[in-house]
Amino acid sequence: MLKIKQAVIVEGKYDKIRLSNLVDAVIIPTNGFELYRDKETVELIKMLSKKTGIIILTDSDSAGFQIRSRLRSITRGGEVINVYIPDIMGKERRKRSPSAEGKLGVEGVDDEILLEAFRKAGVFAEERAVPKDPITKADLMERGLVGGENSADKRAKLQRGLGLPVRLSANMLLEILNVMYSREEFFAELEKL
């Protein structure tokens, strides 16, 4: 498994599922062209591009390149690495028919081809600093952010206050918090809110 410090931005949930078997990183789906309307995800991607850097991995069709272009325009001033998959004709197993252009997307490409695409882009396994004292789910529970009465509302308020998308699951929130904040920084931010 390739350990990467940067967040990986992909088009959809199936790409995220596929990539999570190969890459140990925060993986954020744009949900296709929803990226043009979802201001919260855009802000999250901007923040991650400045904090950890991002890797853009989209399909090699015209829609993928349009989404990649949008991502590049919103992350100016941040660290961005582009990973490209080759044009491979075919259809993904879960689909009845091939895409309009007949190309495989990220979810349909073989493991070795994906890993080679990362290598070609200069992305190698890295030692990601594991926080000595990470923020845990128990910390979120103690503060009423998960598993309690009105926890979803409290978590949404926290996420808005930190400039994060409200739609993040508790697990994705925890993952992002540990990338963006030390334990002390997080508790300090929590106190401010």
N, C-alpha and C. Protein backbone atom coordinates (compact mmCIF):
# COMPACT_ATOMS: atom_id res chain seq x y z
N MET A 1 0.85 -1.18 0.00
CA MET A 1 0.00 0.00 0.00
C MET A 1 0.89 1.24 0.00
N LEU A 2 0.52 2.19 -0.82
CA LEU A 2 1.27 3.42 -0.97
C LEU A 2 0.79 4.42 0.08
N LYS A 3 1.69 4.83 0.98
CA LYS A 3 1.34 5.83 2.00
C LYS A 3 1.67 7.21 1.45
N ILE A 4 0.68 8.07 1.42
CA ILE A 4 0.84 9.39 0.83
C ILE A 4 0.39 10.45 1.81
N LYS A 5 1.18 11.52 1.94
CA LYS A 5 0.80 12.59 2.86
C LYS A 5 -0.25 13.51 2.25
N GLN A 6 -0.26 13.62 0.91
CA GLN A 6 -1.22 14.49 0.25
C GLN A 6 -2.60 13.83 0.21
N ALA A 7 -3.62 14.67 0.12
CA ALA A 7 -4.98 14.17 -0.10
C ALA A 7 -5.12 13.85 -1.58
N VAL A 8 -5.84 12.79 -1.90
CA VAL A 8 -6.06 12.41 -3.29
C VAL A 8 -7.50 12.79 -3.65
N ILE A 9 -7.64 13.54 -4.74
CA ILE A 9 -8.95 13.99 -5.18
C ILE A 9 -9.34 13.15 -6.40
N VAL A 10 -10.49 12.49 -6.30
CA VAL A 10 -11.00 11.64 -7.38
C VAL A 10 -12.40 12.09 -7.77
N GLU A 11 -12.90 11.53 -8.87
CA GLU A 11 -14.22 11.96 -9.36
C GLU A 11 -15.39 11.44 -8.53
N GLY A 12 -15.40 10.16 -8.22
CA GLY A 12 -16.58 9.60 -7.60
C GLY A 12 -16.31 8.58 -6.51
N LYS A 13 -17.40 8.10 -5.90
CA LYS A 13 -17.27 7.19 -4.77
C LYS A 13 -16.67 5.85 -5.17
N TYR A 14 -16.92 5.39 -6.39
CA TYR A 14 -16.33 4.12 -6.82
C TYR A 14 -14.82 4.25 -7.03
N ASP A 15 -14.39 5.42 -7.48
CA ASP A 15 -12.95 5.69 -7.60
C ASP A 15 -12.32 5.67 -6.21
N LYS A 16 -13.02 6.28 -5.24
CA LYS A 16 -12.51 6.32 -3.87
C LYS A 16 -12.39 4.91 -3.30
N ILE A 17 -13.41 4.11 -3.48
CA ILE A 17 -13.39 2.73 -2.99
C ILE A 17 -12.24 1.97 -3.63
N ARG A 18 -12.10 2.11 -4.93
CA ARG A 18 -11.04 1.41 -5.68
C ARG A 18 -9.66 1.83 -5.18
N LEU A 19 -9.46 3.11 -5.01
CA LEU A 19 -8.15 3.63 -4.63
C LEU A 19 -7.81 3.32 -3.18
N SER A 20 -8.81 3.21 -2.33
CA SER A 20 -8.54 2.95 -0.90
C SER A 20 -7.89 1.58 -0.69
N ASN A 21 -7.95 0.70 -1.68
CA ASN A 21 -7.26 -0.59 -1.60
C ASN A 21 -5.78 -0.48 -1.93
N LEU A 22 -5.38 0.64 -2.53
CA LEU A 22 -3.99 0.81 -2.97
C LEU A 22 -3.24 1.91 -2.24
N VAL A 23 -3.98 2.89 -1.73
CA VAL A 23 -3.36 4.11 -1.20
C VAL A 23 -3.82 4.37 0.22
N ASP A 24 -2.88 4.66 1.09
CA ASP A 24 -3.19 5.09 2.45
C ASP A 24 -3.09 6.60 2.48
N ALA A 25 -4.23 7.25 2.30
CA ALA A 25 -4.28 8.72 2.24
C ALA A 25 -5.72 9.15 2.45
N VAL A 26 -5.90 10.44 2.66
CA VAL A 26 -7.25 11.00 2.66
C VAL A 26 -7.68 11.05 1.20
N ILE A 27 -8.82 10.45 0.88
CA ILE A 27 -9.32 10.43 -0.49
C ILE A 27 -10.66 11.14 -0.52
N ILE A 28 -10.75 12.18 -1.35
CA ILE A 28 -11.96 13.00 -1.41
C ILE A 28 -12.57 12.91 -2.80
N PRO A 29 -13.81 12.43 -2.90
CA PRO A 29 -14.48 12.42 -4.20
C PRO A 29 -15.14 13.77 -4.47
N THR A 30 -15.10 14.20 -5.72
CA THR A 30 -15.76 15.46 -6.10
C THR A 30 -17.23 15.24 -6.43
N ASN A 31 -17.61 13.97 -6.55
CA ASN A 31 -18.96 13.62 -7.01
C ASN A 31 -19.22 14.23 -8.39
N GLY A 32 -18.23 14.05 -9.25
CA GLY A 32 -18.34 14.52 -10.63
C GLY A 32 -18.46 16.03 -10.72
N PHE A 33 -19.42 16.47 -11.50
CA PHE A 33 -19.59 17.91 -11.73
C PHE A 33 -20.24 18.63 -10.56
N GLU A 34 -20.57 17.90 -9.50
CA GLU A 34 -21.08 18.52 -8.27
C GLU A 34 -20.05 19.52 -7.74
N LEU A 35 -18.81 19.32 -8.11
CA LEU A 35 -17.72 20.22 -7.70
C LEU A 35 -18.02 21.68 -8.06
N TYR A 36 -18.77 21.89 -9.11
CA TYR A 36 -19.09 23.25 -9.54
C TYR A 36 -20.11 23.92 -8.63
N ARG A 37 -20.87 23.12 -7.86
CA ARG A 37 -21.91 23.68 -6.99
C ARG A 37 -21.59 23.53 -5.50
N ASP A 38 -20.73 22.62 -5.15
CA ASP A 38 -20.47 22.28 -3.75
C ASP A 38 -19.34 23.15 -3.19
N LYS A 39 -19.71 24.30 -2.66
CA LYS A 39 -18.73 25.26 -2.15
C LYS A 39 -17.93 24.70 -0.97
N GLU A 40 -18.56 23.86 -0.15
CA GLU A 40 -17.88 23.30 1.02
C GLU A 40 -16.75 22.37 0.61
N THR A 41 -17.00 21.51 -0.37
CA THR A 41 -15.94 20.61 -0.84
C THR A 41 -14.84 21.41 -1.50
N VAL A 42 -15.18 22.45 -2.24
CA VAL A 42 -14.18 23.31 -2.86
C VAL A 42 -13.28 23.93 -1.79
N GLU A 43 -13.88 24.44 -0.72
CA GLU A 43 -13.09 25.04 0.36
C GLU A 43 -12.20 24.01 1.05
N LEU A 44 -12.71 22.81 1.25
CA LEU A 44 -11.91 21.74 1.85
C LEU A 44 -10.71 21.42 0.98
N ILE A 45 -10.92 21.30 -0.32
CA ILE A 45 -9.83 20.99 -1.25
C ILE A 45 -8.81 22.13 -1.26
N LYS A 46 -9.27 23.37 -1.23
CA LYS A 46 -8.35 24.52 -1.16
C LYS A 46 -7.48 24.44 0.09
N MET A 47 -8.14 24.17 1.24
CA MET A 47 -7.39 24.09 2.51
C MET A 47 -6.38 22.96 2.48
N LEU A 48 -6.78 21.80 1.98
CA LEU A 48 -5.86 20.67 1.92
C LEU A 48 -4.71 20.93 0.96
N SER A 49 -4.96 21.65 -0.14
CA SER A 49 -3.88 21.93 -1.10
C SER A 49 -2.80 22.80 -0.46
N LYS A 50 -3.20 23.63 0.48
CA LYS A 50 -2.22 24.49 1.16
C LYS A 50 -1.59 23.81 2.36
N LYS A 51 -2.34 22.94 3.03
CA LYS A 51 -1.85 22.30 4.25
C LYS A 51 -0.98 21.07 3.96
N THR A 52 -1.48 20.15 3.14
CA THR A 52 -0.75 18.90 2.88
C THR A 52 -0.40 18.72 1.42
N GLY A 53 -1.04 19.49 0.55
CA GLY A 53 -0.92 19.27 -0.88
C GLY A 53 -1.99 18.28 -1.31
N ILE A 54 -2.31 18.30 -2.60
CA ILE A 54 -3.29 17.36 -3.13
C ILE A 54 -2.74 16.67 -4.37
N ILE A 55 -3.31 15.52 -4.65
CA ILE A 55 -3.02 14.78 -5.88
C ILE A 55 -4.34 14.66 -6.61
N ILE A 56 -4.34 15.08 -7.87
CA ILE A 56 -5.56 15.00 -8.67
C ILE A 56 -5.46 13.75 -9.54
N LEU A 57 -6.46 12.87 -9.43
CA LEU A 57 -6.52 11.64 -10.22
C LEU A 57 -7.93 11.50 -10.76
N THR A 58 -8.10 11.90 -12.02
CA THR A 58 -9.42 11.80 -12.66
C THR A 58 -9.32 10.85 -13.85
N ASP A 59 -10.48 10.50 -14.39
CA ASP A 59 -10.52 9.65 -15.58
C ASP A 59 -9.85 10.38 -16.74
N SER A 60 -9.48 9.60 -17.77
CA SER A 60 -8.79 10.22 -18.91
C SER A 60 -9.75 10.61 -20.02
N ASP A 61 -11.01 10.77 -19.69
CA ASP A 61 -11.99 11.23 -20.68
C ASP A 61 -12.17 12.74 -20.57
N SER A 62 -13.01 13.30 -21.44
CA SER A 62 -13.17 14.76 -21.45
C SER A 62 -13.75 15.28 -20.14
N ALA A 63 -14.69 14.54 -19.53
CA ALA A 63 -15.25 14.98 -18.24
C ALA A 63 -14.17 15.00 -17.17
N GLY A 64 -13.30 14.00 -17.16
CA GLY A 64 -12.20 13.95 -16.20
C GLY A 64 -11.27 15.14 -16.34
N PHE A 65 -10.98 15.51 -17.59
CA PHE A 65 -10.09 16.65 -17.81
C PHE A 65 -10.77 17.97 -17.46
N GLN A 66 -12.06 18.05 -17.64
CA GLN A 66 -12.79 19.26 -17.26
C GLN A 66 -12.77 19.41 -15.73
N ILE A 67 -13.00 18.32 -15.01
CA ILE A 67 -12.97 18.36 -13.54
C ILE A 67 -11.55 18.68 -13.06
N ARG A 68 -10.55 18.08 -13.69
CA ARG A 68 -9.15 18.36 -13.34
C ARG A 68 -8.83 19.84 -13.53
N SER A 69 -9.30 20.41 -14.62
CA SER A 69 -9.06 21.83 -14.89
C SER A 69 -9.70 22.71 -13.81
N ARG A 70 -10.90 22.36 -13.42
CA ARG A 70 -11.59 23.11 -12.35
C ARG A 70 -10.80 23.02 -11.04
N LEU A 71 -10.34 21.80 -10.72
CA LEU A 71 -9.55 21.61 -9.49
C LEU A 71 -8.27 22.44 -9.53
N ARG A 72 -7.61 22.46 -10.65
CA ARG A 72 -6.37 23.24 -10.76
C ARG A 72 -6.63 24.73 -10.60
N SER A 73 -7.78 25.20 -11.13
CA SER A 73 -8.07 26.63 -11.02
C SER A 73 -8.41 27.04 -9.58
N ILE A 74 -9.03 26.15 -8.81
CA ILE A 74 -9.40 26.53 -7.44
C ILE A 74 -8.27 26.33 -6.44
N THR A 75 -7.20 25.65 -6.85
CA THR A 75 -6.10 25.37 -5.91
C THR A 75 -4.84 26.16 -6.23
N ARG A 76 -4.98 27.24 -6.94
CA ARG A 76 -3.80 28.08 -7.23
C ARG A 76 -3.17 28.51 -5.91
N GLY A 77 -1.85 28.40 -5.84
CA GLY A 77 -1.14 28.76 -4.62
C GLY A 77 -0.95 27.58 -3.69
N GLY A 78 -1.58 26.47 -4.00
CA GLY A 78 -1.42 25.25 -3.20
C GLY A 78 -0.52 24.27 -3.93
N GLU A 79 -0.17 23.20 -3.25
CA GLU A 79 0.66 22.17 -3.86
C GLU A 79 -0.25 21.17 -4.56
N VAL A 80 -0.06 21.00 -5.87
CA VAL A 80 -0.89 20.11 -6.66
C VAL A 80 -0.01 19.20 -7.49
N ILE A 81 -0.29 17.90 -7.43
CA ILE A 81 0.38 16.91 -8.28
C ILE A 81 -0.69 16.27 -9.13
N ASN A 82 -0.44 16.22 -10.44
CA ASN A 82 -1.39 15.59 -11.35
C ASN A 82 -0.93 14.18 -11.67
N VAL A 83 -1.80 13.21 -11.46
CA VAL A 83 -1.55 11.82 -11.82
C VAL A 83 -2.51 11.50 -12.95
N TYR A 84 -1.95 10.97 -14.05
CA TYR A 84 -2.76 10.65 -15.22
C TYR A 84 -2.77 9.15 -15.47
N ILE A 85 -3.96 8.61 -15.75
CA ILE A 85 -4.03 7.21 -16.17
C ILE A 85 -4.06 7.19 -17.69
N PRO A 86 -3.49 6.14 -18.29
CA PRO A 86 -3.48 6.08 -19.77
C PRO A 86 -4.88 5.81 -20.32
N ASP A 87 -5.04 6.10 -21.60
CA ASP A 87 -6.29 5.79 -22.29
C ASP A 87 -6.35 4.27 -22.49
N ILE A 88 -7.27 3.63 -21.83
CA ILE A 88 -7.46 2.19 -21.99
C ILE A 88 -8.93 1.99 -22.34
N MET A 89 -9.16 1.38 -23.47
CA MET A 89 -10.52 1.17 -23.92
C MET A 89 -11.13 -0.01 -23.15
N GLY A 90 -12.40 0.10 -22.82
CA GLY A 90 -13.08 -0.97 -22.11
C GLY A 90 -14.25 -0.44 -21.32
N LYS A 91 -14.78 -1.31 -20.44
CA LYS A 91 -15.92 -0.93 -19.61
C LYS A 91 -15.71 -1.50 -18.20
N GLU A 92 -16.13 -0.74 -17.22
CA GLU A 92 -16.04 -1.18 -15.84
C GLU A 92 -17.03 -2.32 -15.61
N ARG A 93 -16.69 -3.23 -14.72
CA ARG A 93 -17.54 -4.41 -14.44
C ARG A 93 -18.94 -4.04 -14.00
N ARG A 94 -19.07 -2.98 -13.19
CA ARG A 94 -20.39 -2.66 -12.63
C ARG A 94 -21.31 -1.99 -13.65
N LYS A 95 -20.78 -1.57 -14.78
CA LYS A 95 -21.57 -0.85 -15.78
C LYS A 95 -22.08 -1.80 -16.88
N ARG A 96 -23.24 -1.48 -17.40
CA ARG A 96 -23.82 -2.27 -18.49
C ARG A 96 -23.12 -2.00 -19.82
N SER A 97 -22.71 -0.75 -20.01
CA SER A 97 -22.07 -0.39 -21.27
C SER A 97 -20.89 0.53 -20.99
N PRO A 98 -19.98 0.64 -21.95
CA PRO A 98 -18.82 1.53 -21.76
C PRO A 98 -19.25 3.00 -21.69
N SER A 99 -18.33 3.83 -21.22
CA SER A 99 -18.59 5.27 -21.17
C SER A 99 -18.76 5.80 -22.59
N ALA A 100 -19.18 7.05 -22.70
CA ALA A 100 -19.40 7.66 -24.01
C ALA A 100 -18.15 7.59 -24.88
N GLU A 101 -16.98 7.76 -24.27
CA GLU A 101 -15.73 7.72 -25.03
C GLU A 101 -15.13 6.32 -25.08
N GLY A 102 -15.74 5.38 -24.35
CA GLY A 102 -15.28 4.00 -24.38
C GLY A 102 -14.02 3.71 -23.58
N LYS A 103 -13.62 4.65 -22.70
CA LYS A 103 -12.38 4.50 -21.93
C LYS A 103 -12.69 4.03 -20.51
N LEU A 104 -11.75 3.26 -19.95
CA LEU A 104 -11.86 2.87 -18.55
C LEU A 104 -11.57 4.08 -17.68
N GLY A 105 -12.30 4.18 -16.59
CA GLY A 105 -12.02 5.22 -15.61
C GLY A 105 -11.12 4.67 -14.52
N VAL A 106 -10.83 5.48 -13.52
CA VAL A 106 -9.96 5.10 -12.42
C VAL A 106 -10.42 3.77 -11.80
N GLU A 107 -11.71 3.62 -11.61
CA GLU A 107 -12.21 2.41 -10.95
C GLU A 107 -11.96 1.13 -11.75
N GLY A 108 -11.76 1.24 -13.06
CA GLY A 108 -11.60 0.05 -13.90
C GLY A 108 -10.17 -0.31 -14.25
N VAL A 109 -9.22 0.52 -13.87
CA VAL A 109 -7.82 0.32 -14.25
C VAL A 109 -7.14 -0.65 -13.26
N ASP A 110 -6.26 -1.50 -13.80
CA ASP A 110 -5.54 -2.48 -12.98
C ASP A 110 -4.64 -1.79 -11.94
N ASP A 111 -4.41 -2.50 -10.84
CA ASP A 111 -3.57 -1.99 -9.75
C ASP A 111 -2.21 -1.50 -10.24
N GLU A 112 -1.52 -2.33 -11.01
CA GLU A 112 -0.17 -1.97 -11.45
C GLU A 112 -0.16 -0.71 -12.30
N ILE A 113 -1.17 -0.54 -13.13
CA ILE A 113 -1.24 0.66 -13.97
C ILE A 113 -1.46 1.90 -13.09
N LEU A 114 -2.32 1.77 -12.09
CA LEU A 114 -2.54 2.89 -11.17
C LEU A 114 -1.27 3.24 -10.40
N LEU A 115 -0.60 2.22 -9.86
CA LEU A 115 0.63 2.47 -9.10
C LEU A 115 1.71 3.07 -9.99
N GLU A 116 1.79 2.60 -11.23
CA GLU A 116 2.77 3.15 -12.18
C GLU A 116 2.45 4.61 -12.50
N ALA A 117 1.16 4.95 -12.59
CA ALA A 117 0.77 6.35 -12.83
C ALA A 117 1.24 7.24 -11.68
N PHE A 118 1.12 6.75 -10.45
CA PHE A 118 1.63 7.51 -9.30
C PHE A 118 3.14 7.67 -9.38
N ARG A 119 3.84 6.59 -9.71
CA ARG A 119 5.32 6.67 -9.83
C ARG A 119 5.73 7.65 -10.90
N LYS A 120 5.07 7.59 -12.06
CA LYS A 120 5.41 8.50 -13.17
C LYS A 120 5.20 9.97 -12.79
N ALA A 121 4.26 10.22 -11.90
CA ALA A 121 3.99 11.60 -11.45
C ALA A 121 4.93 12.02 -10.33
N GLY A 122 5.80 11.10 -9.91
CA GLY A 122 6.75 11.44 -8.85
C GLY A 122 6.21 11.25 -7.45
N VAL A 123 5.15 10.47 -7.33
CA VAL A 123 4.56 10.19 -6.02
C VAL A 123 5.08 8.84 -5.55
N PHE A 124 5.78 8.85 -4.45
CA PHE A 124 6.33 7.63 -3.90
C PHE A 124 5.83 7.47 -2.47
N ALA A 125 5.95 6.24 -1.98
CA ALA A 125 5.55 6.00 -0.59
C ALA A 125 6.37 6.88 0.32
N GLU A 126 5.72 7.48 1.27
CA GLU A 126 6.39 8.38 2.20
C GLU A 126 6.05 7.98 3.62
N GLU A 127 6.90 8.38 4.51
CA GLU A 127 6.56 8.24 5.91
C GLU A 127 5.72 9.44 6.27
N ARG A 128 4.49 9.19 6.53
CA ARG A 128 3.60 10.27 6.96
C ARG A 128 3.70 10.33 8.47
N ALA A 129 3.94 11.50 8.97
CA ALA A 129 4.06 11.64 10.42
C ALA A 129 2.75 11.25 11.08
N VAL A 130 2.80 10.21 11.85
CA VAL A 130 1.62 9.79 12.60
C VAL A 130 1.59 10.64 13.87
N PRO A 131 0.48 11.32 14.11
CA PRO A 131 0.44 12.17 15.30
C PRO A 131 0.75 11.35 16.56
N LYS A 132 1.60 11.92 17.42
CA LYS A 132 1.95 11.24 18.67
C LYS A 132 0.72 11.03 19.53
N ASP A 133 -0.13 12.00 19.51
CA ASP A 133 -1.33 11.97 20.32
C ASP A 133 -2.50 12.37 19.42
N PRO A 134 -2.99 11.45 18.57
CA PRO A 134 -4.02 11.83 17.60
C PRO A 134 -5.36 12.13 18.25
N ILE A 135 -6.17 12.85 17.52
CA ILE A 135 -7.55 13.08 17.91
C ILE A 135 -8.27 11.76 17.69
N THR A 136 -9.07 11.33 18.64
CA THR A 136 -9.72 10.03 18.54
C THR A 136 -11.24 10.18 18.50
N LYS A 137 -11.88 9.09 18.15
CA LYS A 137 -13.34 9.09 18.15
C LYS A 137 -13.85 9.29 19.58
N ALA A 138 -13.10 8.79 20.56
CA ALA A 138 -13.49 8.99 21.96
C ALA A 138 -13.48 10.48 22.30
N ASP A 139 -12.51 11.24 21.76
CA ASP A 139 -12.47 12.69 21.99
C ASP A 139 -13.74 13.34 21.44
N LEU A 140 -14.16 12.89 20.25
CA LEU A 140 -15.37 13.45 19.65
C LEU A 140 -16.60 13.06 20.47
N MET A 141 -16.60 11.82 20.98
CA MET A 141 -17.73 11.38 21.80
C MET A 141 -17.82 12.18 23.09
N GLU A 142 -16.68 12.40 23.75
CA GLU A 142 -16.66 13.15 25.01
C GLU A 142 -17.19 14.56 24.84
N ARG A 143 -17.02 15.09 23.66
CA ARG A 143 -17.47 16.46 23.40
C ARG A 143 -18.85 16.49 22.73
N GLY A 144 -19.51 15.34 22.68
CA GLY A 144 -20.86 15.26 22.15
C GLY A 144 -20.97 15.38 20.65
N LEU A 145 -19.85 15.14 19.94
CA LEU A 145 -19.86 15.29 18.49
C LEU A 145 -20.23 14.01 17.75
N VAL A 146 -20.18 12.89 18.42
CA VAL A 146 -20.63 11.62 17.83
C VAL A 146 -21.32 10.78 18.91
N GLY A 147 -22.28 9.99 18.47
CA GLY A 147 -22.92 9.03 19.36
C GLY A 147 -23.82 9.56 20.44
N GLY A 148 -24.17 10.81 20.39
CA GLY A 148 -25.02 11.38 21.43
C GLY A 148 -26.20 12.15 20.86
N GLU A 149 -26.97 12.68 21.77
CA GLU A 149 -28.12 13.47 21.38
C GLU A 149 -27.65 14.74 20.66
N ASN A 150 -28.23 15.02 19.53
CA ASN A 150 -27.90 16.20 18.71
C ASN A 150 -26.45 16.22 18.24
N SER A 151 -25.77 15.07 18.24
CA SER A 151 -24.37 15.06 17.85
C SER A 151 -24.18 15.49 16.40
N ALA A 152 -25.09 15.10 15.52
CA ALA A 152 -24.98 15.50 14.11
C ALA A 152 -25.05 17.02 13.98
N ASP A 153 -25.94 17.65 14.74
CA ASP A 153 -26.06 19.11 14.70
C ASP A 153 -24.80 19.77 15.25
N LYS A 154 -24.27 19.23 16.34
CA LYS A 154 -23.05 19.78 16.93
C LYS A 154 -21.87 19.62 15.98
N ARG A 155 -21.80 18.45 15.34
CA ARG A 155 -20.72 18.20 14.39
C ARG A 155 -20.84 19.14 13.19
N ALA A 156 -22.05 19.36 12.71
CA ALA A 156 -22.27 20.27 11.58
C ALA A 156 -21.83 21.69 11.95
N LYS A 157 -22.15 22.12 13.16
CA LYS A 157 -21.73 23.46 13.62
C LYS A 157 -20.21 23.55 13.68
N LEU A 158 -19.56 22.51 14.20
CA LEU A 158 -18.10 22.47 14.24
C LEU A 158 -17.52 22.53 12.84
N GLN A 159 -18.06 21.72 11.94
CA GLN A 159 -17.54 21.67 10.58
C GLN A 159 -17.70 23.01 9.88
N ARG A 160 -18.84 23.66 10.08
CA ARG A 160 -19.01 25.00 9.49
C ARG A 160 -18.00 25.97 10.07
N GLY A 161 -17.80 25.90 11.39
CA GLY A 161 -16.85 26.80 12.06
C GLY A 161 -15.42 26.60 11.59
N LEU A 162 -15.08 25.36 11.22
CA LEU A 162 -13.72 25.07 10.74
C LEU A 162 -13.60 25.21 9.22
N GLY A 163 -14.73 25.55 8.58
CA GLY A 163 -14.71 25.70 7.13
C GLY A 163 -14.67 24.37 6.40
N LEU A 164 -15.22 23.34 7.02
CA LEU A 164 -15.25 22.01 6.42
C LEU A 164 -16.65 21.69 5.93
N PRO A 165 -16.78 20.81 4.94
CA PRO A 165 -18.12 20.45 4.46
C PRO A 165 -18.94 19.79 5.56
N VAL A 166 -20.20 20.13 5.63
CA VAL A 166 -21.09 19.59 6.64
C VAL A 166 -21.40 18.12 6.36
N ARG A 167 -21.33 17.71 5.09
CA ARG A 167 -21.69 16.34 4.72
C ARG A 167 -20.65 15.30 5.09
N LEU A 168 -19.53 15.67 5.68
CA LEU A 168 -18.52 14.69 6.04
C LEU A 168 -19.07 13.72 7.08
N SER A 169 -18.74 12.45 6.92
CA SER A 169 -19.11 11.47 7.95
C SER A 169 -18.20 11.71 9.16
N ALA A 170 -18.56 11.14 10.27
CA ALA A 170 -17.74 11.28 11.48
C ALA A 170 -16.34 10.72 11.25
N ASN A 171 -16.26 9.59 10.55
CA ASN A 171 -14.94 8.99 10.29
C ASN A 171 -14.09 9.86 9.38
N MET A 172 -14.69 10.42 8.32
CA MET A 172 -13.94 11.29 7.41
C MET A 172 -13.53 12.57 8.14
N LEU A 173 -14.41 13.10 8.99
CA LEU A 173 -14.07 14.28 9.79
C LEU A 173 -12.85 14.00 10.64
N LEU A 174 -12.84 12.87 11.31
CA LEU A 174 -11.72 12.49 12.18
C LEU A 174 -10.42 12.39 11.38
N GLU A 175 -10.51 11.78 10.20
CA GLU A 175 -9.33 11.64 9.34
C GLU A 175 -8.79 13.01 8.94
N ILE A 176 -9.67 13.90 8.54
CA ILE A 176 -9.25 15.24 8.11
C ILE A 176 -8.72 16.06 9.28
N LEU A 177 -9.37 15.96 10.43
CA LEU A 177 -8.88 16.69 11.61
C LEU A 177 -7.45 16.28 11.95
N ASN A 178 -7.15 14.99 11.88
CA ASN A 178 -5.80 14.52 12.21
C ASN A 178 -4.77 14.92 11.17
N VAL A 179 -5.19 15.24 9.95
CA VAL A 179 -4.27 15.73 8.93
C VAL A 179 -4.03 17.23 9.12
N MET A 180 -5.08 17.95 9.48
CA MET A 180 -5.00 19.41 9.51
C MET A 180 -4.60 20.00 10.86
N TYR A 181 -4.86 19.28 11.96
CA TYR A 181 -4.61 19.84 13.29
C TYR A 181 -3.89 18.85 14.18
N SER A 182 -3.05 19.40 15.06
CA SER A 182 -2.55 18.58 16.15
C SER A 182 -3.68 18.50 17.17
N ARG A 183 -3.55 17.63 18.13
CA ARG A 183 -4.59 17.49 19.16
C ARG A 183 -4.82 18.82 19.88
N GLU A 184 -3.71 19.49 20.24
CA GLU A 184 -3.80 20.76 20.96
C GLU A 184 -4.46 21.84 20.10
N GLU A 185 -4.07 21.90 18.82
CA GLU A 185 -4.65 22.89 17.91
C GLU A 185 -6.16 22.67 17.77
N PHE A 186 -6.55 21.40 17.67
CA PHE A 186 -7.97 21.10 17.51
C PHE A 186 -8.76 21.54 18.75
N PHE A 187 -8.24 21.20 19.94
CA PHE A 187 -8.96 21.59 21.15
C PHE A 187 -9.03 23.11 21.30
N ALA A 188 -7.98 23.80 20.86
CA ALA A 188 -7.99 25.26 20.89
C ALA A 188 -9.07 25.80 19.95
N GLU A 189 -9.16 25.22 18.74
CA GLU A 189 -10.19 25.63 17.79
C GLU A 189 -11.58 25.35 18.34
N LEU A 190 -11.72 24.22 19.00
CA LEU A 190 -12.99 23.82 19.59
C LEU A 190 -13.43 24.83 20.66
N GLU A 191 -12.48 25.29 21.45
CA GLU A 191 -12.78 26.30 22.48
C GLU A 191 -13.24 27.61 21.87
N LYS A 192 -12.64 28.01 20.76
CA LYS A 192 -13.02 29.25 20.10
C LYS A 192 -14.45 29.19 19.61
N LEU A 193 -14.86 27.99 19.16
CA LEU A 193 -16.20 27.84 18.60
C LEU A 193 -17.21 27.67 19.71
